[in-house]
Amino acid sequence: ERYREIMTKDHERARRLRAGLEGIAGVSVKAQGGGTNMVIFSVDEGLMQSQELCLRLEAHGVLIWPYGKRGNFMRAVLHHQVTDDDVERALVAVQRSLVPE
């Protein structure tokens, strides 16, 4: 029962992260069916490469990793230690990291 409650919260936070990323210019979120605690997304390659964005996010304390062998995809995995505030912090970090230096 406790596990189900935790996973439900993780899935809800993933939905919130997905929705927030969809609202950021230059970001595309990969459609995923069913409940999941993972969010796979990409950034327009003309804007930035996934490796660069991941490094910039890490400087903001957000750990998101490049994903897959092709494309400019990244994967965020939410778990029981990720809070609602962490989701908001991640969204702000993505927005700030996409601004050219």
PDB file of N, CA and C in Angstrom:
ATOM      1  N   GLU A   1       0.831  -1.201   0.000  1.00  0.00           N
ATOM      2  CA  GLU A   1       0.000   0.000   0.000  1.00  0.00           C
ATOM      3  C   GLU A   1       0.871   1.259   0.000  1.00  0.00           C
ATOM      4  N   ARG A   2       1.883   1.269   0.846  1.00  0.00           N
ATOM      5  CA  ARG A   2       2.789   2.437   0.905  1.00  0.00           C
ATOM      6  C   ARG A   2       3.521   2.613  -0.429  1.00  0.00           C
ATOM      7  N   TYR A   3       3.953   1.514  -1.018  1.00  0.00           N
ATOM      8  CA  TYR A   3       4.644   1.555  -2.314  1.00  0.00           C
ATOM      9  C   TYR A   3       3.739   2.169  -3.382  1.00  0.00           C
ATOM     10  N   ARG A   4       2.488   1.774  -3.402  1.00  0.00           N
ATOM     11  CA  ARG A   4       1.535   2.307  -4.377  1.00  0.00           C
ATOM     12  C   ARG A   4       1.348   3.815  -4.195  1.00  0.00           C
ATOM     13  N   GLU A   5       1.274   4.259  -2.965  1.00  0.00           N
ATOM     14  CA  GLU A   5       1.126   5.682  -2.673  1.00  0.00           C
ATOM     15  C   GLU A   5       2.350   6.463  -3.163  1.00  0.00           C
ATOM     16  N   ILE A   6       3.541   5.935  -2.923  1.00  0.00           N
ATOM     17  CA  ILE A   6       4.774   6.587  -3.367  1.00  0.00           C
ATOM     18  C   ILE A   6       4.821   6.664  -4.885  1.00  0.00           C
ATOM     19  N   MET A   7       4.515   5.562  -5.558  1.00  0.00           N
ATOM     20  CA  MET A   7       4.561   5.543  -7.018  1.00  0.00           C
ATOM     21  C   MET A   7       3.522   6.490  -7.613  1.00  0.00           C
ATOM     22  N   THR A   8       2.369   6.577  -7.002  1.00  0.00           N
ATOM     23  CA  THR A   8       1.333   7.505  -7.478  1.00  0.00           C
ATOM     24  C   THR A   8       1.846   8.935  -7.422  1.00  0.00           C
ATOM     25  N   LYS A   9       2.516   9.294  -6.335  1.00  0.00           N
ATOM     26  CA  LYS A   9       3.082  10.646  -6.216  1.00  0.00           C
ATOM     27  C   LYS A   9       4.194  10.863  -7.244  1.00  0.00           C
ATOM     28  N   ASP A  10       5.042   9.846  -7.447  1.00  0.00           N
ATOM     29  CA  ASP A  10       6.107   9.956  -8.451  1.00  0.00           C
ATOM     30  C   ASP A  10       5.524  10.181  -9.837  1.00  0.00           C
ATOM     31  N   HIS A  11       4.462   9.454 -10.176  1.00  0.00           N
ATOM     32  CA  HIS A  11       3.832   9.591 -11.485  1.00  0.00           C
ATOM     33  C   HIS A  11       3.193  10.962 -11.646  1.00  0.00           C
ATOM     34  N   GLU A  12       2.593  11.477 -10.585  1.00  0.00           N
ATOM     35  CA  GLU A  12       1.987  12.810 -10.636  1.00  0.00           C
ATOM     36  C   GLU A  12       3.063  13.879 -10.829  1.00  0.00           C
ATOM     37  N   ARG A  13       4.165  13.737 -10.142  1.00  0.00           N
ATOM     38  CA  ARG A  13       5.259  14.704 -10.315  1.00  0.00           C
ATOM     39  C   ARG A  13       5.833  14.622 -11.726  1.00  0.00           C
ATOM     40  N   ALA A  14       5.913  13.423 -12.274  1.00  0.00           N
ATOM     41  CA  ALA A  14       6.384  13.267 -13.656  1.00  0.00           C
ATOM     42  C   ALA A  14       5.426  13.960 -14.615  1.00  0.00           C
ATOM     43  N   ARG A  15       4.129  13.840 -14.388  1.00  0.00           N
ATOM     44  CA  ARG A  15       3.147  14.545 -15.234  1.00  0.00           C
ATOM     45  C   ARG A  15       3.336  16.058 -15.136  1.00  0.00           C
ATOM     46  N   ARG A  16       3.591  16.548 -13.932  1.00  0.00           N
ATOM     47  CA  ARG A  16       3.808  17.988 -13.750  1.00  0.00           C
ATOM     48  C   ARG A  16       5.080  18.444 -14.452  1.00  0.00           C
ATOM     49  N   LEU A  17       6.135  17.648 -14.347  1.00  0.00           N
ATOM     50  CA  LEU A  17       7.379  17.979 -15.034  1.00  0.00           C
ATOM     51  C   LEU A  17       7.160  17.969 -16.549  1.00  0.00           C
ATOM     52  N   ARG A  18       6.483  16.951 -17.041  1.00  0.00           N
ATOM     53  CA  ARG A  18       6.194  16.830 -18.473  1.00  0.00           C
ATOM     54  C   ARG A  18       5.410  18.056 -18.965  1.00  0.00           C
ATOM     55  N   ALA A  19       4.369  18.424 -18.238  1.00  0.00           N
ATOM     56  CA  ALA A  19       3.546  19.573 -18.623  1.00  0.00           C
ATOM     57  C   ALA A  19       4.353  20.865 -18.599  1.00  0.00           C
ATOM     58  N   GLY A  20       5.191  21.018 -17.603  1.00  0.00           N
ATOM     59  CA  GLY A  20       6.021  22.221 -17.522  1.00  0.00           C
ATOM     60  C   GLY A  20       7.031  22.301 -18.648  1.00  0.00           C
ATOM     61  N   LEU A  21       7.647  21.179 -18.980  1.00  0.00           N
ATOM     62  CA  LEU A  21       8.615  21.157 -20.079  1.00  0.00           C
ATOM     63  C   LEU A  21       7.952  21.478 -21.406  1.00  0.00           C
ATOM     64  N   GLU A  22       6.715  21.008 -21.582  1.00  0.00           N
ATOM     65  CA  GLU A  22       5.988  21.282 -22.827  1.00  0.00           C
ATOM     66  C   GLU A  22       5.767  22.776 -23.037  1.00  0.00           C
ATOM     67  N   GLY A  23       5.786  23.542 -21.961  1.00  0.00           N
ATOM     68  CA  GLY A  23       5.581  24.976 -22.056  1.00  0.00           C
ATOM     69  C   GLY A  23       6.853  25.780 -22.279  1.00  0.00           C
ATOM     70  N   ILE A  24       7.991  25.118 -22.412  1.00  0.00           N
ATOM     71  CA  ILE A  24       9.263  25.810 -22.596  1.00  0.00           C
ATOM     72  C   ILE A  24       9.641  25.780 -24.079  1.00  0.00           C
ATOM     73  N   ALA A  25       9.869  26.948 -24.650  1.00  0.00           N
ATOM     74  CA  ALA A  25      10.230  27.045 -26.073  1.00  0.00           C
ATOM     75  C   ALA A  25      11.499  26.252 -26.356  1.00  0.00           C
ATOM     76  N   GLY A  26      11.457  25.473 -27.433  1.00  0.00           N
ATOM     77  CA  GLY A  26      12.617  24.697 -27.847  1.00  0.00           C
ATOM     78  C   GLY A  26      12.685  23.311 -27.239  1.00  0.00           C
ATOM     79  N   VAL A  27      11.749  22.990 -26.356  1.00  0.00           N
ATOM     80  CA  VAL A  27      11.720  21.681 -25.700  1.00  0.00           C
ATOM     81  C   VAL A  27      10.558  20.863 -26.260  1.00  0.00           C
ATOM     82  N   SER A  28      10.824  19.613 -26.585  1.00  0.00           N
ATOM     83  CA  SER A  28       9.788  18.683 -27.043  1.00  0.00           C
ATOM     84  C   SER A  28       9.785  17.488 -26.107  1.00  0.00           C
ATOM     85  N   VAL A  29       8.599  17.101 -25.670  1.00  0.00           N
ATOM     86  CA  VAL A  29       8.460  15.979 -24.750  1.00  0.00           C
ATOM     87  C   VAL A  29       7.967  14.768 -25.523  1.00  0.00           C
ATOM     88  N   LYS A  30       8.629  13.644 -25.331  1.00  0.00           N
ATOM     89  CA  LYS A  30       8.238  12.408 -26.005  1.00  0.00           C
ATOM     90  C   LYS A  30       6.982  11.859 -25.329  1.00  0.00           C
ATOM     91  N   ALA A  31       5.989  11.538 -26.151  1.00  0.00           N
ATOM     92  CA  ALA A  31       4.744  10.981 -25.615  1.00  0.00           C
ATOM     93  C   ALA A  31       5.019   9.634 -24.968  1.00  0.00           C
ATOM     94  N   GLN A  32       4.425   9.414 -23.813  1.00  0.00           N
ATOM     95  CA  GLN A  32       4.577   8.155 -23.098  1.00  0.00           C
ATOM     96  C   GLN A  32       3.209   7.712 -22.613  1.00  0.00           C
ATOM     97  N   GLY A  33       2.892   6.482 -22.856  1.00  0.00           N
ATOM     98  CA  GLY A  33       1.604   5.961 -22.423  1.00  0.00           C
ATOM     99  C   GLY A  33       1.662   5.441 -21.001  1.00  0.00           C
ATOM    100  N   GLY A  34       0.528   5.466 -20.351  1.00  0.00           N
ATOM    101  CA  GLY A  34       0.421   4.898 -19.011  1.00  0.00           C
ATOM    102  C   GLY A  34       1.165   5.713 -17.969  1.00  0.00           C
ATOM    103  N   GLY A  35       1.064   5.272 -16.734  1.00  0.00           N
ATOM    104  CA  GLY A  35       1.746   5.946 -15.640  1.00  0.00           C
ATOM    105  C   GLY A  35       3.214   5.586 -15.615  1.00  0.00           C
ATOM    106  N   THR A  36       4.045   6.597 -15.508  1.00  0.00           N
ATOM    107  CA  THR A  36       5.482   6.373 -15.427  1.00  0.00           C
ATOM    108  C   THR A  36       6.117   7.479 -14.604  1.00  0.00           C
ATOM    109  N   ASN A  37       7.246   7.164 -14.037  1.00  0.00           N
ATOM    110  CA  ASN A  37       7.985   8.160 -13.279  1.00  0.00           C
ATOM    111  C   ASN A  37       9.144   8.729 -14.097  1.00  0.00           C
ATOM    112  N   MET A  38       9.161   8.454 -15.403  1.00  0.00           N
ATOM    113  CA  MET A  38      10.215   8.961 -16.282  1.00  0.00           C
ATOM    114  C   MET A  38       9.642   9.960 -17.284  1.00  0.00           C
ATOM    115  N   VAL A  39      10.462  10.942 -17.609  1.00  0.00           N
ATOM    116  CA  VAL A  39      10.100  11.932 -18.619  1.00  0.00           C
ATOM    117  C   VAL A  39      11.258  11.992 -19.615  1.00  0.00           C
ATOM    118  N   ILE A  40      10.957  11.720 -20.869  1.00  0.00           N
ATOM    119  CA  ILE A  40      11.961  11.784 -21.924  1.00  0.00           C
ATOM    120  C   ILE A  40      11.636  12.997 -22.784  1.00  0.00           C
ATOM    121  N   PHE A  41      12.643  13.829 -22.991  1.00  0.00           N
ATOM    122  CA  PHE A  41      12.423  15.053 -23.754  1.00  0.00           C
ATOM    123  C   PHE A  41      13.670  15.403 -24.555  1.00  0.00           C
ATOM    124  N   SER A  42      13.507  16.331 -25.472  1.00  0.00           N
ATOM    125  CA  SER A  42      14.644  16.786 -26.269  1.00  0.00           C
ATOM    126  C   SER A  42      14.613  18.302 -26.375  1.00  0.00           C
ATOM    127  N   VAL A  43      15.757  18.828 -26.771  1.00  0.00           N
ATOM    128  CA  VAL A  43      15.900  20.259 -27.007  1.00  0.00           C
ATOM    129  C   VAL A  43      16.287  20.427 -28.461  1.00  0.00           C
ATOM    130  N   ASP A  44      15.754  21.454 -29.106  1.00  0.00           N
ATOM    131  CA  ASP A  44      16.125  21.720 -30.490  1.00  0.00           C
ATOM    132  C   ASP A  44      17.647  21.745 -30.601  1.00  0.00           C
ATOM    133  N   GLU A  45      18.180  20.951 -31.539  1.00  0.00           N
ATOM    134  CA  GLU A  45      19.628  20.845 -31.675  1.00  0.00           C
ATOM    135  C   GLU A  45      20.283  22.167 -32.034  1.00  0.00           C
ATOM    136  N   GLY A  46      19.560  23.038 -32.718  1.00  0.00           N
ATOM    137  CA  GLY A  46      20.103  24.353 -33.034  1.00  0.00           C
ATOM    138  C   GLY A  46      20.254  25.236 -31.808  1.00  0.00           C
ATOM    139  N   LEU A  47      19.559  24.877 -30.751  1.00  0.00           N
ATOM    140  CA  LEU A  47      19.596  25.645 -29.508  1.00  0.00           C
ATOM    141  C   LEU A  47      20.735  25.182 -28.609  1.00  0.00           C
ATOM    142  N   MET A  48      20.827  23.841 -28.429  1.00  0.00           N
ATOM    143  CA  MET A  48      21.833  23.297 -27.526  1.00  0.00           C
ATOM    144  C   MET A  48      21.844  21.773 -27.646  1.00  0.00           C
ATOM    145  N   GLN A  49      22.991  21.170 -27.430  1.00  0.00           N
ATOM    146  CA  GLN A  49      23.102  19.718 -27.399  1.00  0.00           C
ATOM    147  C   GLN A  49      22.717  19.215 -26.002  1.00  0.00           C
ATOM    148  N   SER A  50      22.212  18.003 -25.939  1.00  0.00           N
ATOM    149  CA  SER A  50      21.750  17.449 -24.663  1.00  0.00           C
ATOM    150  C   SER A  50      22.861  17.402 -23.619  1.00  0.00           C
ATOM    151  N   GLN A  51      24.074  17.076 -24.027  1.00  0.00           N
ATOM    152  CA  GLN A  51      25.176  16.997 -23.067  1.00  0.00           C
ATOM    153  C   GLN A  51      25.440  18.356 -22.420  1.00  0.00           C
ATOM    154  N   GLU A  52      25.372  19.410 -23.225  1.00  0.00           N
ATOM    155  CA  GLU A  52      25.589  20.754 -22.695  1.00  0.00           C
ATOM    156  C   GLU A  52      24.480  21.134 -21.719  1.00  0.00           C
ATOM    157  N   LEU A  53      23.241  20.852 -22.080  1.00  0.00           N
ATOM    158  CA  LEU A  53      22.138  21.173 -21.176  1.00  0.00           C
ATOM    159  C   LEU A  53      22.275  20.396 -19.872  1.00  0.00           C
ATOM    160  N   CYS A  54      22.620  19.137 -19.945  1.00  0.00           N
ATOM    161  CA  CYS A  54      22.777  18.335 -18.726  1.00  0.00           C
ATOM    162  C   CYS A  54      23.863  18.910 -17.816  1.00  0.00           C
ATOM    163  N   LEU A  55      24.960  19.375 -18.392  1.00  0.00           N
ATOM    164  CA  LEU A  55      26.017  20.005 -17.589  1.00  0.00           C
ATOM    165  C   LEU A  55      25.524  21.290 -16.940  1.00  0.00           C
ATOM    166  N   ARG A  56      24.784  22.087 -17.685  1.00  0.00           N
ATOM    167  CA  ARG A  56      24.243  23.331 -17.128  1.00  0.00           C
ATOM    168  C   ARG A  56      23.237  23.040 -16.014  1.00  0.00           C
ATOM    169  N   LEU A  57      22.416  22.021 -16.219  1.00  0.00           N
ATOM    170  CA  LEU A  57      21.443  21.656 -15.189  1.00  0.00           C
ATOM    171  C   LEU A  57      22.140  21.182 -13.924  1.00  0.00           C
ATOM    172  N   GLU A  58      23.211  20.427 -14.095  1.00  0.00           N
ATOM    173  CA  GLU A  58      23.955  19.942 -12.930  1.00  0.00           C
ATOM    174  C   GLU A  58      24.476  21.110 -12.095  1.00  0.00           C
ATOM    175  N   ALA A  59      24.873  22.199 -12.758  1.00  0.00           N
ATOM    176  CA  ALA A  59      25.332  23.393 -12.040  1.00  0.00           C
ATOM    177  C   ALA A  59      24.212  23.998 -11.195  1.00  0.00           C
ATOM    178  N   HIS A  60      22.958  23.715 -11.553  1.00  0.00           N
ATOM    179  CA  HIS A  60      21.792  24.166 -10.780  1.00  0.00           C
ATOM    180  C   HIS A  60      21.328  23.098  -9.788  1.00  0.00           C
ATOM    181  N   GLY A  61      22.071  22.000  -9.688  1.00  0.00           N
ATOM    182  CA  GLY A  61      21.710  20.934  -8.759  1.00  0.00           C
ATOM    183  C   GLY A  61      20.654  19.982  -9.289  1.00  0.00           C
ATOM    184  N   VAL A  62      20.441  19.987 -10.616  1.00  0.00           N
ATOM    185  CA  VAL A  62      19.443  19.106 -11.239  1.00  0.00           C
ATOM    186  C   VAL A  62      20.173  18.062 -12.073  1.00  0.00           C
ATOM    187  N   LEU A  63      19.940  16.790 -11.764  1.00  0.00           N
ATOM    188  CA  LEU A  63      20.603  15.711 -12.486  1.00  0.00           C
ATOM    189  C   LEU A  63      19.651  15.065 -13.477  1.00  0.00           C
ATOM    190  N   ILE A  64      19.876  15.363 -14.742  1.00  0.00           N
ATOM    191  CA  ILE A  64      19.137  14.775 -15.853  1.00  0.00           C
ATOM    192  C   ILE A  64      20.192  14.298 -16.837  1.00  0.00           C
ATOM    193  N   TRP A  65      19.994  13.124 -17.431  1.00  0.00           N
ATOM    194  CA  TRP A  65      21.028  12.508 -18.254  1.00  0.00           C
ATOM    195  C   TRP A  65      20.637  12.422 -19.727  1.00  0.00           C
ATOM    196  N   PRO A  66      21.653  12.522 -20.616  1.00  0.00           N
ATOM    197  CA  PRO A  66      21.389  12.244 -22.036  1.00  0.00           C
ATOM    198  C   PRO A  66      20.800  10.838 -22.162  1.00  0.00           C
ATOM    199  N   TYR A  67      19.964  10.645 -23.178  1.00  0.00           N
ATOM    200  CA  TYR A  67      19.244   9.376 -23.314  1.00  0.00           C
ATOM    201  C   TYR A  67      19.264   8.914 -24.762  1.00  0.00           C
ATOM    202  N   GLY A  68      19.655   7.689 -24.967  1.00  0.00           N
ATOM    203  CA  GLY A  68      19.632   7.108 -26.302  1.00  0.00           C
ATOM    204  C   GLY A  68      20.884   7.411 -27.092  1.00  0.00           C
ATOM    205  N   LYS A  69      21.024   6.707 -28.182  1.00  0.00           N
ATOM    206  CA  LYS A  69      22.213   6.857 -29.019  1.00  0.00           C
ATOM    207  C   LYS A  69      22.022   7.865 -30.133  1.00  0.00           C
ATOM    208  N   ARG A  70      20.765   8.194 -30.433  1.00  0.00           N
ATOM    209  CA  ARG A  70      20.505   9.149 -31.508  1.00  0.00           C
ATOM    210  C   ARG A  70      19.604  10.253 -31.000  1.00  0.00           C
ATOM    211  N   GLY A  71      19.727  11.373 -31.643  1.00  0.00           N
ATOM    212  CA  GLY A  71      18.873  12.491 -31.264  1.00  0.00           C
ATOM    213  C   GLY A  71      19.444  13.265 -30.104  1.00  0.00           C
ATOM    214  N   ASN A  72      18.683  14.169 -29.632  1.00  0.00           N
ATOM    215  CA  ASN A  72      19.108  15.086 -28.584  1.00  0.00           C
ATOM    216  C   ASN A  72      18.235  14.880 -27.346  1.00  0.00           C
ATOM    217  N   PHE A  73      18.020  13.618 -26.995  1.00  0.00           N
ATOM    218  CA  PHE A  73      17.095  13.275 -25.914  1.00  0.00           C
ATOM    219  C   PHE A  73      17.773  13.247 -24.554  1.00  0.00           C
ATOM    220  N   MET A  74      16.954  13.517 -23.536  1.00  0.00           N
ATOM    221  CA  MET A  74      17.363  13.414 -22.142  1.00  0.00           C
ATOM    222  C   MET A  74      16.273  12.678 -21.377  1.00  0.00           C
ATOM    223  N   ARG A  75      16.653  12.104 -20.244  1.00  0.00           N
ATOM    224  CA  ARG A  75      15.679  11.379 -19.429  1.00  0.00           C
ATOM    225  C   ARG A  75      15.771  11.853 -17.990  1.00  0.00           C
ATOM    226  N   ALA A  76      14.626  12.229 -17.461  1.00  0.00           N
ATOM    227  CA  ALA A  76      14.507  12.578 -16.047  1.00  0.00           C
ATOM    228  C   ALA A  76      13.726  11.461 -15.368  1.00  0.00           C
ATOM    229  N   VAL A  77      14.231  11.001 -14.226  1.00  0.00           N
ATOM    230  CA  VAL A  77      13.566   9.942 -13.464  1.00  0.00           C
ATOM    231  C   VAL A  77      13.211  10.509 -12.103  1.00  0.00           C
ATOM    232  N   LEU A  78      11.926  10.457 -11.793  1.00  0.00           N
ATOM    233  CA  LEU A  78      11.462  10.951 -10.497  1.00  0.00           C
ATOM    234  C   LEU A  78      11.301   9.774  -9.546  1.00  0.00           C
ATOM    235  N   HIS A  79      11.655   9.991  -8.285  1.00  0.00           N
ATOM    236  CA  HIS A  79      11.568   8.930  -7.279  1.00  0.00           C
ATOM    237  C   HIS A  79      11.120   9.542  -5.956  1.00  0.00           C
ATOM    238  N   HIS A  80      11.000   8.721  -4.941  1.00  0.00           N
ATOM    239  CA  HIS A  80      10.405   9.170  -3.681  1.00  0.00           C
ATOM    240  C   HIS A  80      11.163  10.311  -3.006  1.00  0.00           C
ATOM    241  N   GLN A  81      12.406  10.533  -3.367  1.00  0.00           N
ATOM    242  CA  GLN A  81      13.170  11.613  -2.750  1.00  0.00           C
ATOM    243  C   GLN A  81      13.009  12.940  -3.495  1.00  0.00           C
ATOM    244  N   VAL A  82      12.321  12.930  -4.627  1.00  0.00           N
ATOM    245  CA  VAL A  82      12.079  14.152  -5.397  1.00  0.00           C
ATOM    246  C   VAL A  82      10.768  14.762  -4.905  1.00  0.00           C
ATOM    247  N   THR A  83      10.829  16.023  -4.516  1.00  0.00           N
ATOM    248  CA  THR A  83       9.661  16.709  -3.971  1.00  0.00           C
ATOM    249  C   THR A  83       8.984  17.582  -5.028  1.00  0.00           C
ATOM    250  N   ASP A  84       7.824  18.121  -4.682  1.00  0.00           N
ATOM    251  CA  ASP A  84       7.148  19.079  -5.561  1.00  0.00           C
ATOM    252  C   ASP A  84       8.046  20.279  -5.831  1.00  0.00           C
ATOM    253  N   ASP A  85       8.732  20.763  -4.795  1.00  0.00           N
ATOM    254  CA  ASP A  85       9.645  21.894  -4.960  1.00  0.00           C
ATOM    255  C   ASP A  85      10.785  21.541  -5.917  1.00  0.00           C
ATOM    256  N   ASP A  86      11.259  20.311  -5.867  1.00  0.00           N
ATOM    257  CA  ASP A  86      12.320  19.876  -6.776  1.00  0.00           C
ATOM    258  C   ASP A  86      11.856  19.934  -8.232  1.00  0.00           C
ATOM    259  N   VAL A  87      10.615  19.563  -8.476  1.00  0.00           N
ATOM    260  CA  VAL A  87      10.071  19.626  -9.839  1.00  0.00           C
ATOM    261  C   VAL A  87      10.062  21.071 -10.322  1.00  0.00           C
ATOM    262  N   GLU A  88       9.605  21.973  -9.480  1.00  0.00           N
ATOM    263  CA  GLU A  88       9.583  23.394  -9.855  1.00  0.00           C
ATOM    264  C   GLU A  88      10.999  23.918 -10.069  1.00  0.00           C
ATOM    265  N   ARG A  89      11.916  23.517  -9.203  1.00  0.00           N
ATOM    266  CA  ARG A  89      13.311  23.940  -9.333  1.00  0.00           C
ATOM    267  C   ARG A  89      13.908  23.431 -10.642  1.00  0.00           C
ATOM    268  N   ALA A  90      13.573  22.206 -11.026  1.00  0.00           N
ATOM    269  CA  ALA A  90      14.061  21.640 -12.286  1.00  0.00           C
ATOM    270  C   ALA A  90      13.534  22.430 -13.477  1.00  0.00           C
ATOM    271  N   LEU A  91      12.265  22.799 -13.454  1.00  0.00           N
ATOM    272  CA  LEU A  91      11.686  23.565 -14.566  1.00  0.00           C
ATOM    273  C   LEU A  91      12.346  24.938 -14.701  1.00  0.00           C
ATOM    274  N   VAL A  92      12.570  25.594 -13.585  1.00  0.00           N
ATOM    275  CA  VAL A  92      13.251  26.893 -13.611  1.00  0.00           C
ATOM    276  C   VAL A  92      14.679  26.707 -14.127  1.00  0.00           C
ATOM    277  N   ALA A  93      15.346  25.653 -13.698  1.00  0.00           N
ATOM    278  CA  ALA A  93      16.722  25.388 -14.136  1.00  0.00           C
ATOM    279  C   ALA A  93      16.782  25.149 -15.644  1.00  0.00           C
ATOM    280  N   VAL A  94      15.817  24.427 -16.197  1.00  0.00           N
ATOM    281  CA  VAL A  94      15.797  24.202 -17.645  1.00  0.00           C
ATOM    282  C   VAL A  94      15.635  25.534 -18.362  1.00  0.00           C
ATOM    283  N   GLN A  95      14.686  26.348 -17.917  1.00  0.00           N
ATOM    284  CA  GLN A  95      14.475  27.656 -18.560  1.00  0.00           C
ATOM    285  C   GLN A  95      15.748  28.507 -18.504  1.00  0.00           C
ATOM    286  N   ARG A  96      16.363  28.575 -17.351  1.00  0.00           N
ATOM    287  CA  ARG A  96      17.574  29.397 -17.208  1.00  0.00           C
ATOM    288  C   ARG A  96      18.742  28.826 -17.997  1.00  0.00           C
ATOM    289  N   SER A  97      18.840  27.517 -18.065  1.00  0.00           N
ATOM    290  CA  SER A  97      19.969  26.872 -18.740  1.00  0.00           C
ATOM    291  C   SER A  97      19.892  27.018 -20.246  1.00  0.00           C
ATOM    292  N   LEU A  98      18.705  27.220 -20.775  1.00  0.00           N
ATOM    293  CA  LEU A  98      18.553  27.367 -22.225  1.00  0.00           C
ATOM    294  C   LEU A  98      18.863  28.773 -22.730  1.00  0.00           C
ATOM    295  N   VAL A  99      19.093  29.697 -21.811  1.00  0.00           N
ATOM    296  CA  VAL A  99      19.447  31.062 -22.197  1.00  0.00           C
ATOM    297  C   VAL A  99      20.917  31.069 -22.575  1.00  0.00           C
ATOM    298  N   PRO A 100      21.251  31.580 -23.771  1.00  0.00           N
ATOM    299  CA  PRO A 100      22.672  31.618 -24.185  1.00  0.00           C
ATOM    300  C   PRO A 100      23.516  32.420 -23.206  1.00  0.00           C
ATOM    301  N   GLU A 101      24.728  31.967 -22.996  1.00  0.00           N
ATOM    302  CA  GLU A 101      25.633  32.669 -22.075  1.00  0.00           C
ATOM    303  C   GLU A 101      26.342  33.801 -22.766  1.00  0.00           C
TER     304      GLU A 101
END
